[in-house]
Amino acid sequence: MAKYKISKENLSEFFGLFKSNKPKDRAAIEKMIAQHPGLKAISKKRDEIDKMAKKQIENDPWVQDFLKKHNIDLKDTFK
């Protein structure tokens, strides 16, 4: 497995994208993902998991009842 050496500045910048409550520039995040093969693979896998989860949520009445009971709205969660 390849090892990567990340400087403290880069690490802080990366995790800084997700720390604050203010919205980030989505284009900058997409650009960063597009340029990094590891992040591309993670993004692709996340999209696959989202599709599986959406299918399960839509097809399982128990999950639908659970979400409704706990006032959970997932309208904007999946693409």
C-alpha atoms as a PDB file:
ATOM      1  CA  MET A   1       0.000   0.000   0.000  1.00  0.00           C
ATOM      2  CA  ALA A   2       1.324   3.407  -0.925  1.00  0.00           C
ATOM      3  CA  LYS A   3       2.195   5.780   1.882  1.00  0.00           C
ATOM      4  CA  TYR A   4       1.536   9.477   1.641  1.00  0.00           C
ATOM      5  CA  LYS A   5       3.239  12.228   3.561  1.00  0.00           C
ATOM      6  CA  ILE A   6       0.864  15.099   4.207  1.00  0.00           C
ATOM      7  CA  SER A   7       2.027  18.352   5.672  1.00  0.00           C
ATOM      8  CA  LYS A   8       0.180  19.779   8.644  1.00  0.00           C
ATOM      9  CA  GLU A   9      -0.950  22.767   6.568  1.00  0.00           C
ATOM     10  CA  ASN A  10      -2.537  20.556   3.905  1.00  0.00           C
ATOM     11  CA  LEU A  11      -4.200  18.353   6.478  1.00  0.00           C
ATOM     12  CA  SER A  12      -5.714  21.350   8.230  1.00  0.00           C
ATOM     13  CA  GLU A  13      -6.903  22.762   4.902  1.00  0.00           C
ATOM     14  CA  PHE A  14      -8.569  19.469   3.924  1.00  0.00           C
ATOM     15  CA  PHE A  15     -10.388  18.955   7.217  1.00  0.00           C
ATOM     16  CA  GLY A  16     -11.195  22.670   7.306  1.00  0.00           C
ATOM     17  CA  LEU A  17     -13.566  22.062   4.386  1.00  0.00           C
ATOM     18  CA  PHE A  18     -15.807  20.061   6.712  1.00  0.00           C
ATOM     19  CA  LYS A  19     -15.386  21.798  10.092  1.00  0.00           C
ATOM     20  CA  SER A  20     -17.314  25.029   9.953  1.00  0.00           C
ATOM     21  CA  ASN A  21     -21.036  25.568   9.662  1.00  0.00           C
ATOM     22  CA  LYS A  22     -20.757  28.024   6.792  1.00  0.00           C
ATOM     23  CA  PRO A  23     -21.262  26.622   3.284  1.00  0.00           C
ATOM     24  CA  LYS A  24     -18.132  25.924   1.273  1.00  0.00           C
ATOM     25  CA  ASP A  25     -17.526  26.539  -2.388  1.00  0.00           C
ATOM     26  CA  ARG A  26     -18.900  23.337  -3.918  1.00  0.00           C
ATOM     27  CA  ALA A  27     -16.925  23.890  -7.129  1.00  0.00           C
ATOM     28  CA  ALA A  28     -13.655  23.981  -5.162  1.00  0.00           C
ATOM     29  CA  ILE A  29     -14.524  20.723  -3.426  1.00  0.00           C
ATOM     30  CA  GLU A  30     -15.474  19.041  -6.723  1.00  0.00           C
ATOM     31  CA  LYS A  31     -12.211  20.272  -8.297  1.00  0.00           C
ATOM     32  CA  MET A  32     -10.175  18.859  -5.409  1.00  0.00           C
ATOM     33  CA  ILE A  33     -11.953  15.492  -5.686  1.00  0.00           C
ATOM     34  CA  ALA A  34     -11.463  15.392  -9.470  1.00  0.00           C
ATOM     35  CA  GLN A  35      -7.717  15.947  -9.114  1.00  0.00           C
ATOM     36  CA  HIS A  36      -7.056  13.258  -6.500  1.00  0.00           C
ATOM     37  CA  PRO A  37      -7.418   9.559  -7.443  1.00  0.00           C
ATOM     38  CA  GLY A  38      -8.014   8.466  -3.847  1.00  0.00           C
ATOM     39  CA  LEU A  39     -10.780  11.009  -3.320  1.00  0.00           C
ATOM     40  CA  LYS A  40     -12.327  10.015  -6.681  1.00  0.00           C
ATOM     41  CA  ALA A  41     -12.491   6.390  -5.543  1.00  0.00           C
ATOM     42  CA  ILE A  42     -14.059   7.391  -2.225  1.00  0.00           C
ATOM     43  CA  SER A  43     -16.603   9.600  -3.999  1.00  0.00           C
ATOM     44  CA  LYS A  44     -17.531   6.802  -6.402  1.00  0.00           C
ATOM     45  CA  LYS A  45     -17.947   4.304  -3.553  1.00  0.00           C
ATOM     46  CA  ARG A  46     -20.065   6.823  -1.607  1.00  0.00           C
ATOM     47  CA  ASP A  47     -22.328   7.261  -4.625  1.00  0.00           C
ATOM     48  CA  GLU A  48     -22.782   3.477  -4.871  1.00  0.00           C
ATOM     49  CA  ILE A  49     -23.663   3.272  -1.170  1.00  0.00           C
ATOM     50  CA  ASP A  50     -26.136   6.163  -1.573  1.00  0.00           C
ATOM     51  CA  LYS A  51     -27.900   4.298  -4.399  1.00  0.00           C
ATOM     52  CA  MET A  52     -28.168   1.111  -2.320  1.00  0.00           C
ATOM     53  CA  ALA A  53     -29.442   3.028   0.710  1.00  0.00           C
ATOM     54  CA  LYS A  54     -32.005   4.929  -1.363  1.00  0.00           C
ATOM     55  CA  LYS A  55     -33.307   1.692  -2.858  1.00  0.00           C
ATOM     56  CA  GLN A  56     -33.606   0.079   0.574  1.00  0.00           C
ATOM     57  CA  ILE A  57     -35.345   3.102   2.077  1.00  0.00           C
ATOM     58  CA  GLU A  58     -37.821   3.332  -0.794  1.00  0.00           C
ATOM     59  CA  ASN A  59     -38.630  -0.401  -0.775  1.00  0.00           C
ATOM     60  CA  ASP A  60     -38.779  -1.145   2.946  1.00  0.00           C
ATOM     61  CA  PRO A  61     -41.980  -0.120   4.736  1.00  0.00           C
ATOM     62  CA  TRP A  62     -40.347  -0.631   8.149  1.00  0.00           C
ATOM     63  CA  VAL A  63     -37.692   1.976   7.320  1.00  0.00           C
ATOM     64  CA  GLN A  64     -40.356   4.373   6.027  1.00  0.00           C
ATOM     65  CA  ASP A  65     -42.340   3.991   9.259  1.00  0.00           C
ATOM     66  CA  PHE A  66     -39.207   4.450  11.369  1.00  0.00           C
ATOM     67  CA  LEU A  67     -38.260   7.669   9.564  1.00  0.00           C
ATOM     68  CA  LYS A  68     -41.795   9.026   9.832  1.00  0.00           C
ATOM     69  CA  LYS A  69     -42.026   8.114  13.538  1.00  0.00           C
ATOM     70  CA  HIS A  70     -38.817  10.021  14.323  1.00  0.00           C
ATOM     71  CA  ASN A  71     -39.571  12.969  12.010  1.00  0.00           C
ATOM     72  CA  ILE A  72     -36.566  12.278   9.770  1.00  0.00           C
ATOM     73  CA  ASP A  73     -36.772  13.785   6.296  1.00  0.00           C
ATOM     74  CA  LEU A  74     -34.332  12.490   3.685  1.00  0.00           C
ATOM     75  CA  LYS A  75     -35.670  14.324   0.614  1.00  0.00           C
ATOM     76  CA  ASP A  76     -32.418  16.179  -0.110  1.00  0.00           C
ATOM     77  CA  THR A  77     -30.049  13.507   1.162  1.00  0.00           C
ATOM     78  CA  PHE A  78     -29.802  11.429  -2.003  1.00  0.00           C
ATOM     79  CA  LYS A  79     -29.022  12.649  -5.507  1.00  0.00           C
END
